[in-house]
Amino acid sequence: MTIDITRRTFLGASVAAAALPWPAFAQEKTVLKFSAVFSEQDIRAQMTKMLAEEIKGDFTLTPFYGGTLFKQGTELVALQRGNLQMGNIAPQDISNQIPEWSVLTSAYLFRDAKHLRDFFNSEVGAEFKAMATEKLGIHILGPTYFGARQVGLKTDKKISTPADMSGIKLRMPGGDAWQFLGSALGANPTPMAYAEVYTGLQTGAIDGQDNPLPNVKNMKFYEVMSQIVLTSHLIGYDLLTISSETWKAMTPEQQTAFQAAADKVIDWSQEQHLAQEGKLVEEFKAGGLQIYDPDVAAFRKFAQEKYLASDLAKSWPAGVLEKVAAL
């Protein structure tokens, strides 16, 4: 009798539990670990927090900033190995595995933020994104613009043309694409981790760095520089990326909502960066930095000739430069 009552009690409790509202037995939300090299003070960190809020119904986004989870340049491999679900990935890191992508890292390719977005929304942009999915197992949600890259120097030497950059130890991230970019400016590219740049400038281990103005502000590089040369040699962007495995595990409805959320926060981040760029020139000038325009045409000509004569250009898809320029 005792056993029978216990069984009936258990079955009754199970039926009652099944009748409870859905949230009481909802599955745990999927956790998405996100890694980026930028600091928590960066506009893109706020973008990430906004994304977390937008997708919180289905996902828990856990961000790691400042390269604390994975160092700069290793995030892509972490995505591929399943150790990471999302990242803000540099196109230079993709080009290390897909040589065709090196064209998207070349100097003076994109004119501005709009041109960049137009490219990734175009047919040719879709081809490059599909290439990344097929060969690397990642899904690109969109480019995260963070400003035109400018040359910032500790030295007082005025720079007008690439010839003036000769002998300048210019910090560039590690990797062939980044190092080639430094040489395409006429400098002596020097690999150094992003977190070490401030100390490198302070001690003289490097003569300069290249970053968009918002990054110079966030990382306080302006404290250890004397001048900024407005070369605008590269439209700075990374790629908001999610692993294909994570993406494919979503329902079509979830994918649509996730992409819409990503587009929304990317738009916001771009607007904020453009607004900040406009203000920072005057702010840095007021702080004592020399800021001036070099012969940009000379820099563009030097860089483009160097790229076209390089082994990098041999892998570029036929006609891609013309297609990008025509957008």
C-alpha atoms as a PDB file:
ATOM      1  CA  MET A   1       0.000   0.000   0.000  1.00  0.00           C
ATOM      2  CA  THR A   2       2.758   2.390   0.909  1.00  0.00           C
ATOM      3  CA  ILE A   3       4.531   1.774  -2.387  1.00  0.00           C
ATOM      4  CA  ASP A   4       1.281   2.262  -4.340  1.00  0.00           C
ATOM      5  CA  ILE A   5       0.507   5.584  -2.650  1.00  0.00           C
ATOM      6  CA  THR A   6       4.015   6.826  -3.269  1.00  0.00           C
ATOM      7  CA  ARG A   7       3.735   5.951  -6.967  1.00  0.00           C
ATOM      8  CA  ARG A   8       0.375   7.710  -7.300  1.00  0.00           C
ATOM      9  CA  THR A   9       1.742  10.733  -5.472  1.00  0.00           C
ATOM     10  CA  PHE A  10       4.743  10.869  -7.822  1.00  0.00           C
ATOM     11  CA  LEU A  11       2.611  10.558 -10.955  1.00  0.00           C
ATOM     12  CA  GLY A  12       0.229  13.220  -9.728  1.00  0.00           C
ATOM     13  CA  ALA A  13       3.102  15.581  -9.013  1.00  0.00           C
ATOM     14  CA  SER A  14       4.554  14.967 -12.471  1.00  0.00           C
ATOM     15  CA  VAL A  15       1.259  15.793 -14.186  1.00  0.00           C
ATOM     16  CA  ALA A  16       0.893  18.945 -12.117  1.00  0.00           C
ATOM     17  CA  ALA A  17       4.438  20.009 -12.923  1.00  0.00           C
ATOM     18  CA  ALA A  18       3.833  19.518 -16.631  1.00  0.00           C
ATOM     19  CA  ALA A  19       0.891  21.859 -16.388  1.00  0.00           C
ATOM     20  CA  LEU A  20       2.991  24.690 -14.947  1.00  0.00           C
ATOM     21  CA  PRO A  21       3.679  27.751 -17.156  1.00  0.00           C
ATOM     22  CA  TRP A  22       6.529  27.233 -19.699  1.00  0.00           C
ATOM     23  CA  PRO A  23       9.154  29.498 -18.036  1.00  0.00           C
ATOM     24  CA  ALA A  24       9.339  27.204 -15.028  1.00  0.00           C
ATOM     25  CA  PHE A  25      10.864  24.500 -17.200  1.00  0.00           C
ATOM     26  CA  ALA A  26      12.446  26.606 -19.957  1.00  0.00           C
ATOM     27  CA  GLN A  27      15.769  25.452 -21.298  1.00  0.00           C
ATOM     28  CA  GLU A  28      18.772  27.534 -20.328  1.00  0.00           C
ATOM     29  CA  LYS A  29      19.641  30.196 -22.879  1.00  0.00           C
ATOM     30  CA  THR A  30      22.615  29.544 -25.124  1.00  0.00           C
ATOM     31  CA  VAL A  31      25.737  31.271 -23.806  1.00  0.00           C
ATOM     32  CA  LEU A  32      27.790  33.111 -26.416  1.00  0.00           C
ATOM     33  CA  LYS A  33      31.334  33.935 -25.333  1.00  0.00           C
ATOM     34  CA  PHE A  34      32.536  37.051 -27.166  1.00  0.00           C
ATOM     35  CA  SER A  35      36.185  38.106 -27.396  1.00  0.00           C
ATOM     36  CA  ALA A  36      37.661  41.408 -28.577  1.00  0.00           C
ATOM     37  CA  VAL A  37      40.950  43.250 -28.264  1.00  0.00           C
ATOM     38  CA  PHE A  38      39.316  46.657 -27.714  1.00  0.00           C
ATOM     39  CA  SER A  39      38.911  48.049 -24.198  1.00  0.00           C
ATOM     40  CA  GLU A  40      35.685  48.302 -22.213  1.00  0.00           C
ATOM     41  CA  GLN A  41      35.805  52.088 -22.801  1.00  0.00           C
ATOM     42  CA  ASP A  42      35.590  51.584 -26.562  1.00  0.00           C
ATOM     43  CA  ILE A  43      32.399  52.494 -28.411  1.00  0.00           C
ATOM     44  CA  ARG A  44      32.319  48.925 -29.699  1.00  0.00           C
ATOM     45  CA  ALA A  45      32.138  47.617 -26.139  1.00  0.00           C
ATOM     46  CA  GLN A  46      28.919  49.575 -25.732  1.00  0.00           C
ATOM     47  CA  MET A  47      27.808  48.150 -29.077  1.00  0.00           C
ATOM     48  CA  THR A  48      28.386  44.664 -27.680  1.00  0.00           C
ATOM     49  CA  LYS A  49      26.371  45.443 -24.559  1.00  0.00           C
ATOM     50  CA  MET A  50      23.543  46.723 -26.745  1.00  0.00           C
ATOM     51  CA  LEU A  51      23.646  43.511 -28.767  1.00  0.00           C
ATOM     52  CA  ALA A  52      23.454  41.473 -25.565  1.00  0.00           C
ATOM     53  CA  GLU A  53      20.301  43.353 -24.638  1.00  0.00           C
ATOM     54  CA  GLU A  54      18.772  42.885 -28.083  1.00  0.00           C
ATOM     55  CA  ILE A  55      19.248  39.098 -28.095  1.00  0.00           C
ATOM     56  CA  LYS A  56      18.689  38.336 -24.409  1.00  0.00           C
ATOM     57  CA  GLY A  57      15.416  36.519 -25.121  1.00  0.00           C
ATOM     58  CA  ASP A  58      17.292  33.573 -26.639  1.00  0.00           C
ATOM     59  CA  PHE A  59      20.961  34.096 -25.812  1.00  0.00           C
ATOM     60  CA  THR A  60      23.300  35.204 -23.045  1.00  0.00           C
ATOM     61  CA  LEU A  61      26.215  37.172 -24.493  1.00  0.00           C
ATOM     62  CA  THR A  62      29.302  37.091 -22.257  1.00  0.00           C
ATOM     63  CA  PRO A  63      31.910  39.616 -23.457  1.00  0.00           C
ATOM     64  CA  PHE A  64      35.640  39.631 -22.748  1.00  0.00           C
ATOM     65  CA  TYR A  65      37.496  42.859 -23.624  1.00  0.00           C
ATOM     66  CA  GLY A  66      41.135  43.896 -23.916  1.00  0.00           C
ATOM     67  CA  GLY A  67      42.298  40.526 -25.201  1.00  0.00           C
ATOM     68  CA  THR A  68      41.780  39.015 -21.751  1.00  0.00           C
ATOM     69  CA  LEU A  69      40.263  35.772 -23.037  1.00  0.00           C
ATOM     70  CA  PHE A  70      42.125  35.388 -26.329  1.00  0.00           C
ATOM     71  CA  LYS A  71      45.024  37.549 -27.482  1.00  0.00           C
ATOM     72  CA  GLN A  72      44.851  39.669 -30.610  1.00  0.00           C
ATOM     73  CA  GLY A  73      45.069  37.459 -33.679  1.00  0.00           C
ATOM     74  CA  THR A  74      44.038  34.236 -31.923  1.00  0.00           C
ATOM     75  CA  GLU A  75      40.276  34.821 -31.770  1.00  0.00           C
ATOM     76  CA  LEU A  76      39.626  33.343 -35.206  1.00  0.00           C
ATOM     77  CA  VAL A  77      41.324  30.062 -34.345  1.00  0.00           C
ATOM     78  CA  ALA A  78      39.368  29.950 -31.078  1.00  0.00           C
ATOM     79  CA  LEU A  79      36.142  30.268 -33.084  1.00  0.00           C
ATOM     80  CA  GLN A  80      37.214  27.494 -35.410  1.00  0.00           C
ATOM     81  CA  ARG A  81      38.086  25.178 -32.520  1.00  0.00           C
ATOM     82  CA  GLY A  82      34.780  25.766 -30.775  1.00  0.00           C
ATOM     83  CA  ASN A  83      36.393  27.555 -27.817  1.00  0.00           C
ATOM     84  CA  LEU A  84      34.594  30.784 -28.695  1.00  0.00           C
ATOM     85  CA  GLN A  85      31.176  31.551 -30.172  1.00  0.00           C
ATOM     86  CA  MET A  86      31.579  35.205 -31.230  1.00  0.00           C
ATOM     87  CA  GLY A  87      34.379  37.658 -31.870  1.00  0.00           C
ATOM     88  CA  ASN A  88      35.316  40.976 -33.399  1.00  0.00           C
ATOM     89  CA  ILE A  89      37.701  39.578 -36.005  1.00  0.00           C
ATOM     90  CA  ALA A  90      40.251  41.594 -37.996  1.00  0.00           C
ATOM     91  CA  PRO A  91      40.106  41.003 -41.775  1.00  0.00           C
ATOM     92  CA  GLN A  92      43.892  40.658 -41.624  1.00  0.00           C
ATOM     93  CA  ASP A  93      43.447  37.491 -39.548  1.00  0.00           C
ATOM     94  CA  ILE A  94      41.087  36.080 -42.154  1.00  0.00           C
ATOM     95  CA  SER A  95      43.590  36.895 -44.892  1.00  0.00           C
ATOM     96  CA  ASN A  96      46.182  34.768 -43.071  1.00  0.00           C
ATOM     97  CA  GLN A  97      44.044  31.746 -43.964  1.00  0.00           C
ATOM     98  CA  ILE A  98      42.337  32.995 -47.134  1.00  0.00           C
ATOM     99  CA  PRO A  99      44.895  34.862 -49.296  1.00  0.00           C
ATOM    100  CA  GLU A 100      42.129  36.350 -51.487  1.00  0.00           C
ATOM    101  CA  TRP A 101      40.968  38.337 -48.466  1.00  0.00           C
ATOM    102  CA  SER A 102      44.227  40.320 -48.381  1.00  0.00           C
ATOM    103  CA  VAL A 103      42.741  42.706 -50.924  1.00  0.00           C
ATOM    104  CA  LEU A 104      40.264  43.809 -48.232  1.00  0.00           C
ATOM    105  CA  THR A 105      43.190  44.781 -46.012  1.00  0.00           C
ATOM    106  CA  SER A 106      45.012  46.874 -48.587  1.00  0.00           C
ATOM    107  CA  ALA A 107      45.645  50.587 -48.192  1.00  0.00           C
ATOM    108  CA  TYR A 108      43.272  53.113 -49.765  1.00  0.00           C
ATOM    109  CA  LEU A 109      40.779  50.468 -50.931  1.00  0.00           C
ATOM    110  CA  PHE A 110      37.670  51.873 -49.243  1.00  0.00           C
ATOM    111  CA  ARG A 111      36.889  55.572 -49.385  1.00  0.00           C
ATOM    112  CA  ASP A 112      34.893  55.888 -46.169  1.00  0.00           C
ATOM    113  CA  ALA A 113      32.529  54.086 -43.799  1.00  0.00           C
ATOM    114  CA  LYS A 114      29.648  54.132 -46.272  1.00  0.00           C
ATOM    115  CA  HIS A 115      31.780  52.653 -49.031  1.00  0.00           C
ATOM    116  CA  LEU A 116      32.820  49.886 -46.625  1.00  0.00           C
ATOM    117  CA  ARG A 117      29.220  49.030 -45.752  1.00  0.00           C
ATOM    118  CA  ASP A 118      28.142  49.225 -49.402  1.00  0.00           C
ATOM    119  CA  PHE A 119      30.807  46.664 -50.246  1.00  0.00           C
ATOM    120  CA  PHE A 120      29.728  44.119 -47.642  1.00  0.00           C
ATOM    121  CA  ASN A 121      26.099  44.564 -48.709  1.00  0.00           C
ATOM    122  CA  SER A 122      26.968  44.036 -52.387  1.00  0.00           C
ATOM    123  CA  GLU A 123      27.148  40.879 -54.481  1.00  0.00           C
ATOM    124  CA  VAL A 124      30.934  40.865 -54.430  1.00  0.00           C
ATOM    125  CA  GLY A 125      30.877  41.380 -50.663  1.00  0.00           C
ATOM    126  CA  ALA A 126      28.536  38.402 -50.326  1.00  0.00           C
ATOM    127  CA  GLU A 127      31.062  36.317 -52.244  1.00  0.00           C
ATOM    128  CA  PHE A 128      33.796  37.168 -49.758  1.00  0.00           C
ATOM    129  CA  LYS A 129      31.534  36.394 -46.802  1.00  0.00           C
ATOM    130  CA  ALA A 130      30.564  33.059 -48.355  1.00  0.00           C
ATOM    131  CA  MET A 131      34.251  32.317 -48.834  1.00  0.00           C
ATOM    132  CA  ALA A 132      34.825  32.825 -45.100  1.00  0.00           C
ATOM    133  CA  THR A 133      31.905  30.563 -44.222  1.00  0.00           C
ATOM    134  CA  GLU A 134      32.990  27.798 -46.569  1.00  0.00           C
ATOM    135  CA  LYS A 135      36.691  27.818 -45.758  1.00  0.00           C
ATOM    136  CA  LEU A 136      36.798  28.953 -42.129  1.00  0.00           C
ATOM    137  CA  GLY A 137      33.485  27.925 -40.612  1.00  0.00           C
ATOM    138  CA  ILE A 138      32.454  31.425 -39.547  1.00  0.00           C
ATOM    139  CA  HIS A 139      29.434  33.581 -40.309  1.00  0.00           C
ATOM    140  CA  ILE A 140      30.084  37.308 -40.771  1.00  0.00           C
ATOM    141  CA  LEU A 141      27.297  39.511 -39.426  1.00  0.00           C
ATOM    142  CA  GLY A 142      28.820  42.752 -40.685  1.00  0.00           C
ATOM    143  CA  PRO A 143      31.791  45.151 -40.594  1.00  0.00           C
ATOM    144  CA  THR A 144      32.311  47.222 -37.441  1.00  0.00           C
ATOM    145  CA  TYR A 145      33.802  50.537 -38.556  1.00  0.00           C
ATOM    146  CA  PHE A 146      36.068  52.185 -36.010  1.00  0.00           C
ATOM    147  CA  GLY A 147      37.629  55.076 -37.898  1.00  0.00           C
ATOM    148  CA  ALA A 148      40.149  55.938 -40.573  1.00  0.00           C
ATOM    149  CA  ARG A 149      43.645  54.906 -39.512  1.00  0.00           C
ATOM    150  CA  GLN A 150      46.120  57.761 -39.058  1.00  0.00           C
ATOM    151  CA  VAL A 151      49.832  57.788 -38.268  1.00  0.00           C
ATOM    152  CA  GLY A 152      50.682  58.976 -34.759  1.00  0.00           C
ATOM    153  CA  LEU A 153      54.329  59.730 -33.950  1.00  0.00           C
ATOM    154  CA  LYS A 154      56.436  60.503 -30.930  1.00  0.00           C
ATOM    155  CA  THR A 155      59.137  62.107 -33.084  1.00  0.00           C
ATOM    156  CA  ASP A 156      58.905  65.762 -34.149  1.00  0.00           C
ATOM    157  CA  LYS A 157      59.949  64.957 -37.720  1.00  0.00           C
ATOM    158  CA  LYS A 158      57.314  66.341 -40.094  1.00  0.00           C
ATOM    159  CA  ILE A 159      55.947  63.808 -42.573  1.00  0.00           C
ATOM    160  CA  SER A 160      54.852  64.899 -46.043  1.00  0.00           C
ATOM    161  CA  THR A 161      55.481  61.852 -48.254  1.00  0.00           C
ATOM    162  CA  PRO A 162      56.245  58.144 -47.815  1.00  0.00           C
ATOM    163  CA  ALA A 163      59.949  58.969 -48.223  1.00  0.00           C
ATOM    164  CA  ASP A 164      59.764  60.865 -44.922  1.00  0.00           C
ATOM    165  CA  MET A 165      58.646  57.670 -43.178  1.00  0.00           C
ATOM    166  CA  SER A 166      61.939  55.927 -43.955  1.00  0.00           C
ATOM    167  CA  GLY A 167      63.479  54.555 -40.765  1.00  0.00           C
ATOM    168  CA  ILE A 168      60.371  55.231 -38.668  1.00  0.00           C
ATOM    169  CA  LYS A 169      59.679  52.253 -36.382  1.00  0.00           C
ATOM    170  CA  LEU A 170      55.935  52.082 -36.822  1.00  0.00           C
ATOM    171  CA  ARG A 171      54.081  49.668 -34.584  1.00  0.00           C
ATOM    172  CA  MET A 172      51.800  47.357 -36.509  1.00  0.00           C
ATOM    173  CA  PRO A 173      49.965  44.260 -35.276  1.00  0.00           C
ATOM    174  CA  GLY A 174      51.610  40.936 -36.038  1.00  0.00           C
ATOM    175  CA  GLY A 175      50.825  39.117 -39.270  1.00  0.00           C
ATOM    176  CA  ASP A 176      51.941  39.516 -42.872  1.00  0.00           C
ATOM    177  CA  ALA A 177      49.032  41.729 -43.959  1.00  0.00           C
ATOM    178  CA  TRP A 178      49.583  44.218 -41.138  1.00  0.00           C
ATOM    179  CA  GLN A 179      53.354  44.276 -41.586  1.00  0.00           C
ATOM    180  CA  PHE A 180      52.997  44.829 -45.324  1.00  0.00           C
ATOM    181  CA  LEU A 181      50.673  47.751 -44.669  1.00  0.00           C
ATOM    182  CA  GLY A 182      53.378  49.382 -42.555  1.00  0.00           C
ATOM    183  CA  SER A 183      55.922  49.013 -45.341  1.00  0.00           C
ATOM    184  CA  ALA A 184      53.357  50.342 -47.842  1.00  0.00           C
ATOM    185  CA  LEU A 185      53.454  53.588 -45.858  1.00  0.00           C
ATOM    186  CA  GLY A 186      57.222  53.750 -46.260  1.00  0.00           C
ATOM    187  CA  ALA A 187      57.893  52.872 -42.616  1.00  0.00           C
ATOM    188  CA  ASN A 188      59.809  50.147 -40.826  1.00  0.00           C
ATOM    189  CA  PRO A 189      56.903  48.033 -39.474  1.00  0.00           C
ATOM    190  CA  THR A 190      57.444  46.706 -35.961  1.00  0.00           C
ATOM    191  CA  PRO A 191      55.120  44.028 -34.528  1.00  0.00           C
ATOM    192  CA  MET A 192      53.824  44.765 -31.048  1.00  0.00           C
ATOM    193  CA  ALA A 193      50.736  43.790 -29.049  1.00  0.00           C
ATOM    194  CA  TYR A 194      48.061  46.468 -28.804  1.00  0.00           C
ATOM    195  CA  ALA A 195      48.256  46.547 -25.007  1.00  0.00           C
ATOM    196  CA  GLU A 196      51.991  47.321 -25.172  1.00  0.00           C
ATOM    197  CA  VAL A 197      51.819  50.309 -27.542  1.00  0.00           C
ATOM    198  CA  TYR A 198      51.565  52.999 -24.848  1.00  0.00           C
ATOM    199  CA  THR A 199      54.699  51.746 -23.096  1.00  0.00           C
ATOM    200  CA  GLY A 200      56.430  51.226 -26.431  1.00  0.00           C
ATOM    201  CA  LEU A 201      55.908  54.888 -27.357  1.00  0.00           C
ATOM    202  CA  GLN A 202      56.851  56.021 -23.870  1.00  0.00           C
ATOM    203  CA  THR A 203      60.169  54.132 -23.849  1.00  0.00           C
ATOM    204  CA  GLY A 204      61.084  54.726 -27.485  1.00  0.00           C
ATOM    205  CA  ALA A 205      60.837  51.065 -28.450  1.00  0.00           C
ATOM    206  CA  ILE A 206      58.698  52.361 -31.324  1.00  0.00           C
ATOM    207  CA  ASP A 207      58.523  55.768 -32.989  1.00  0.00           C
ATOM    208  CA  GLY A 208      54.835  55.646 -33.776  1.00  0.00           C
ATOM    209  CA  GLN A 209      51.634  53.714 -34.246  1.00  0.00           C
ATOM    210  CA  ASP A 210      48.729  53.736 -36.663  1.00  0.00           C
ATOM    211  CA  ASN A 211      45.203  53.794 -35.294  1.00  0.00           C
ATOM    212  CA  PRO A 212      41.934  55.657 -35.788  1.00  0.00           C
ATOM    213  CA  LEU A 213      41.512  58.726 -33.585  1.00  0.00           C
ATOM    214  CA  PRO A 214      38.910  57.111 -31.283  1.00  0.00           C
ATOM    215  CA  ASN A 215      41.446  54.383 -30.435  1.00  0.00           C
ATOM    216  CA  VAL A 216      44.102  57.008 -29.739  1.00  0.00           C
ATOM    217  CA  LYS A 217      41.659  58.588 -27.316  1.00  0.00           C
ATOM    218  CA  ASN A 218      40.587  55.349 -25.616  1.00  0.00           C
ATOM    219  CA  MET A 219      44.118  54.040 -25.140  1.00  0.00           C
ATOM    220  CA  LYS A 220      45.541  57.496 -24.237  1.00  0.00           C
ATOM    221  CA  PHE A 221      48.252  57.239 -26.882  1.00  0.00           C
ATOM    222  CA  TYR A 222      48.023  61.025 -27.262  1.00  0.00           C
ATOM    223  CA  GLU A 223      49.838  61.349 -23.926  1.00  0.00           C
ATOM    224  CA  VAL A 224      53.028  59.885 -25.434  1.00  0.00           C
ATOM    225  CA  MET A 225      52.845  61.327 -28.964  1.00  0.00           C
ATOM    226  CA  SER A 226      53.763  64.710 -30.417  1.00  0.00           C
ATOM    227  CA  GLN A 227      51.926  64.612 -33.740  1.00  0.00           C
ATOM    228  CA  ILE A 228      49.266  62.960 -35.871  1.00  0.00           C
ATOM    229  CA  VAL A 229      49.697  62.695 -39.633  1.00  0.00           C
ATOM    230  CA  LEU A 230      46.288  62.465 -41.321  1.00  0.00           C
ATOM    231  CA  THR A 231      47.187  59.815 -43.873  1.00  0.00           C
ATOM    232  CA  SER A 232      43.744  58.128 -43.719  1.00  0.00           C
ATOM    233  CA  HIS A 233      45.497  55.150 -45.258  1.00  0.00           C
ATOM    234  CA  LEU A 234      43.005  52.502 -44.197  1.00  0.00           C
ATOM    235  CA  ILE A 235      39.324  52.531 -43.303  1.00  0.00           C
ATOM    236  CA  GLY A 236      39.554  50.715 -40.002  1.00  0.00           C
ATOM    237  CA  TYR A 237      37.085  47.898 -39.491  1.00  0.00           C
ATOM    238  CA  ASP A 238      36.737  44.524 -37.897  1.00  0.00           C
ATOM    239  CA  LEU A 239      34.060  41.920 -38.512  1.00  0.00           C
ATOM    240  CA  LEU A 240      31.329  41.016 -36.062  1.00  0.00           C
ATOM    241  CA  THR A 241      31.505  37.257 -36.415  1.00  0.00           C
ATOM    242  CA  ILE A 242      29.776  34.177 -35.055  1.00  0.00           C
ATOM    243  CA  SER A 243      30.828  30.563 -35.516  1.00  0.00           C
ATOM    244  CA  SER A 244      28.950  28.706 -38.259  1.00  0.00           C
ATOM    245  CA  GLU A 245      28.156  25.949 -35.800  1.00  0.00           C
ATOM    246  CA  THR A 246      26.386  28.384 -33.488  1.00  0.00           C
ATOM    247  CA  TRP A 247      24.658  30.111 -36.397  1.00  0.00           C
ATOM    248  CA  LYS A 248      23.369  26.874 -37.927  1.00  0.00           C
ATOM    249  CA  ALA A 249      21.986  25.780 -34.554  1.00  0.00           C
ATOM    250  CA  MET A 250      19.552  28.724 -34.650  1.00  0.00           C
ATOM    251  CA  THR A 251      16.094  28.534 -36.151  1.00  0.00           C
ATOM    252  CA  PRO A 252      15.502  30.661 -39.278  1.00  0.00           C
ATOM    253  CA  GLU A 253      13.467  33.054 -37.115  1.00  0.00           C
ATOM    254  CA  GLN A 254      16.323  33.362 -34.634  1.00  0.00           C
ATOM    255  CA  GLN A 255      18.808  34.008 -37.436  1.00  0.00           C
ATOM    256  CA  THR A 256      16.641  36.773 -38.869  1.00  0.00           C
ATOM    257  CA  ALA A 257      16.206  38.433 -35.474  1.00  0.00           C
ATOM    258  CA  PHE A 258      19.905  38.048 -34.647  1.00  0.00           C
ATOM    259  CA  GLN A 259      20.994  39.637 -37.933  1.00  0.00           C
ATOM    260  CA  ALA A 260      18.550  42.521 -37.438  1.00  0.00           C
ATOM    261  CA  ALA A 261      19.972  43.101 -33.943  1.00  0.00           C
ATOM    262  CA  ALA A 262      23.526  43.040 -35.296  1.00  0.00           C
ATOM    263  CA  ASP A 263      22.665  45.527 -38.062  1.00  0.00           C
ATOM    264  CA  LYS A 264      21.070  47.853 -35.517  1.00  0.00           C
ATOM    265  CA  VAL A 265      24.044  47.984 -33.164  1.00  0.00           C
ATOM    266  CA  ILE A 266      26.593  48.177 -35.989  1.00  0.00           C
ATOM    267  CA  ASP A 267      24.733  51.216 -37.371  1.00  0.00           C
ATOM    268  CA  TRP A 268      24.804  52.840 -33.933  1.00  0.00           C
ATOM    269  CA  SER A 269      28.514  52.156 -33.448  1.00  0.00           C
ATOM    270  CA  GLN A 270      29.381  53.582 -36.857  1.00  0.00           C
ATOM    271  CA  GLU A 271      27.458  56.782 -36.179  1.00  0.00           C
ATOM    272  CA  GLN A 272      29.195  57.199 -32.831  1.00  0.00           C
ATOM    273  CA  HIS A 273      32.660  56.692 -34.323  1.00  0.00           C
ATOM    274  CA  LEU A 274      32.046  59.183 -37.134  1.00  0.00           C
ATOM    275  CA  ALA A 275      30.816  61.790 -34.648  1.00  0.00           C
ATOM    276  CA  GLN A 276      33.801  61.251 -32.361  1.00  0.00           C
ATOM    277  CA  GLU A 277      36.314  61.462 -35.202  1.00  0.00           C
ATOM    278  CA  GLY A 278      35.023  64.904 -36.098  1.00  0.00           C
ATOM    279  CA  LYS A 279      35.547  66.198 -32.561  1.00  0.00           C
ATOM    280  CA  LEU A 280      38.880  64.620 -31.748  1.00  0.00           C
ATOM    281  CA  VAL A 281      41.007  66.563 -34.227  1.00  0.00           C
ATOM    282  CA  GLU A 282      40.242  69.804 -32.420  1.00  0.00           C
ATOM    283  CA  GLU A 283      40.503  68.152 -29.010  1.00  0.00           C
ATOM    284  CA  PHE A 284      43.974  66.802 -29.741  1.00  0.00           C
ATOM    285  CA  LYS A 285      45.094  70.124 -31.196  1.00  0.00           C
ATOM    286  CA  ALA A 286      43.940  71.892 -28.047  1.00  0.00           C
ATOM    287  CA  GLY A 287      45.964  69.362 -26.071  1.00  0.00           C
ATOM    288  CA  GLY A 288      49.165  70.356 -27.855  1.00  0.00           C
ATOM    289  CA  LEU A 289      49.462  67.750 -30.612  1.00  0.00           C
ATOM    290  CA  GLN A 290      50.541  68.805 -34.081  1.00  0.00           C
ATOM    291  CA  ILE A 291      47.926  67.573 -36.566  1.00  0.00           C
ATOM    292  CA  TYR A 292      48.297  68.109 -40.287  1.00  0.00           C
ATOM    293  CA  ASP A 293      47.568  66.717 -43.763  1.00  0.00           C
ATOM    294  CA  PRO A 294      50.472  65.163 -45.672  1.00  0.00           C
ATOM    295  CA  ASP A 295      50.553  64.601 -49.431  1.00  0.00           C
ATOM    296  CA  VAL A 296      47.845  61.919 -49.379  1.00  0.00           C
ATOM    297  CA  ALA A 297      48.023  61.462 -53.159  1.00  0.00           C
ATOM    298  CA  ALA A 298      51.714  60.545 -52.829  1.00  0.00           C
ATOM    299  CA  PHE A 299      50.921  58.075 -50.041  1.00  0.00           C
ATOM    300  CA  ARG A 300      48.094  56.519 -52.072  1.00  0.00           C
ATOM    301  CA  LYS A 301      50.247  56.144 -55.196  1.00  0.00           C
ATOM    302  CA  PHE A 302      53.163  54.648 -53.251  1.00  0.00           C
ATOM    303  CA  ALA A 303      50.962  52.180 -51.382  1.00  0.00           C
ATOM    304  CA  GLN A 304      48.925  51.039 -54.368  1.00  0.00           C
ATOM    305  CA  GLU A 305      52.017  50.459 -56.494  1.00  0.00           C
ATOM    306  CA  LYS A 306      53.631  48.489 -53.698  1.00  0.00           C
ATOM    307  CA  TYR A 307      50.563  46.282 -53.266  1.00  0.00           C
ATOM    308  CA  LEU A 308      50.120  45.621 -56.985  1.00  0.00           C
ATOM    309  CA  ALA A 309      53.756  44.592 -57.290  1.00  0.00           C
ATOM    310  CA  SER A 310      53.547  42.241 -54.305  1.00  0.00           C
ATOM    311  CA  ASP A 311      52.828  38.527 -53.990  1.00  0.00           C
ATOM    312  CA  LEU A 312      49.651  39.456 -52.092  1.00  0.00           C
ATOM    313  CA  ALA A 313      48.023  40.827 -55.242  1.00  0.00           C
ATOM    314  CA  LYS A 314      48.573  37.542 -57.074  1.00  0.00           C
ATOM    315  CA  SER A 315      45.795  35.977 -55.019  1.00  0.00           C
ATOM    316  CA  TRP A 316      43.274  38.779 -55.526  1.00  0.00           C
ATOM    317  CA  PRO A 317      40.179  37.787 -57.551  1.00  0.00           C
ATOM    318  CA  ALA A 318      40.228  39.194 -61.071  1.00  0.00           C
ATOM    319  CA  GLY A 319      38.512  42.556 -61.394  1.00  0.00           C
ATOM    320  CA  VAL A 320      37.871  42.963 -57.674  1.00  0.00           C
ATOM    321  CA  LEU A 321      39.531  46.384 -57.445  1.00  0.00           C
ATOM    322  CA  GLU A 322      37.343  47.707 -60.242  1.00  0.00           C
ATOM    323  CA  LYS A 323      34.217  46.247 -58.634  1.00  0.00           C
ATOM    324  CA  VAL A 324      34.997  47.855 -55.273  1.00  0.00           C
ATOM    325  CA  ALA A 325      35.827  51.196 -56.862  1.00  0.00           C
ATOM    326  CA  ALA A 326      32.559  51.166 -58.811  1.00  0.00           C
ATOM    327  CA  LEU A 327      30.362  50.818 -55.710  1.00  0.00           C
END
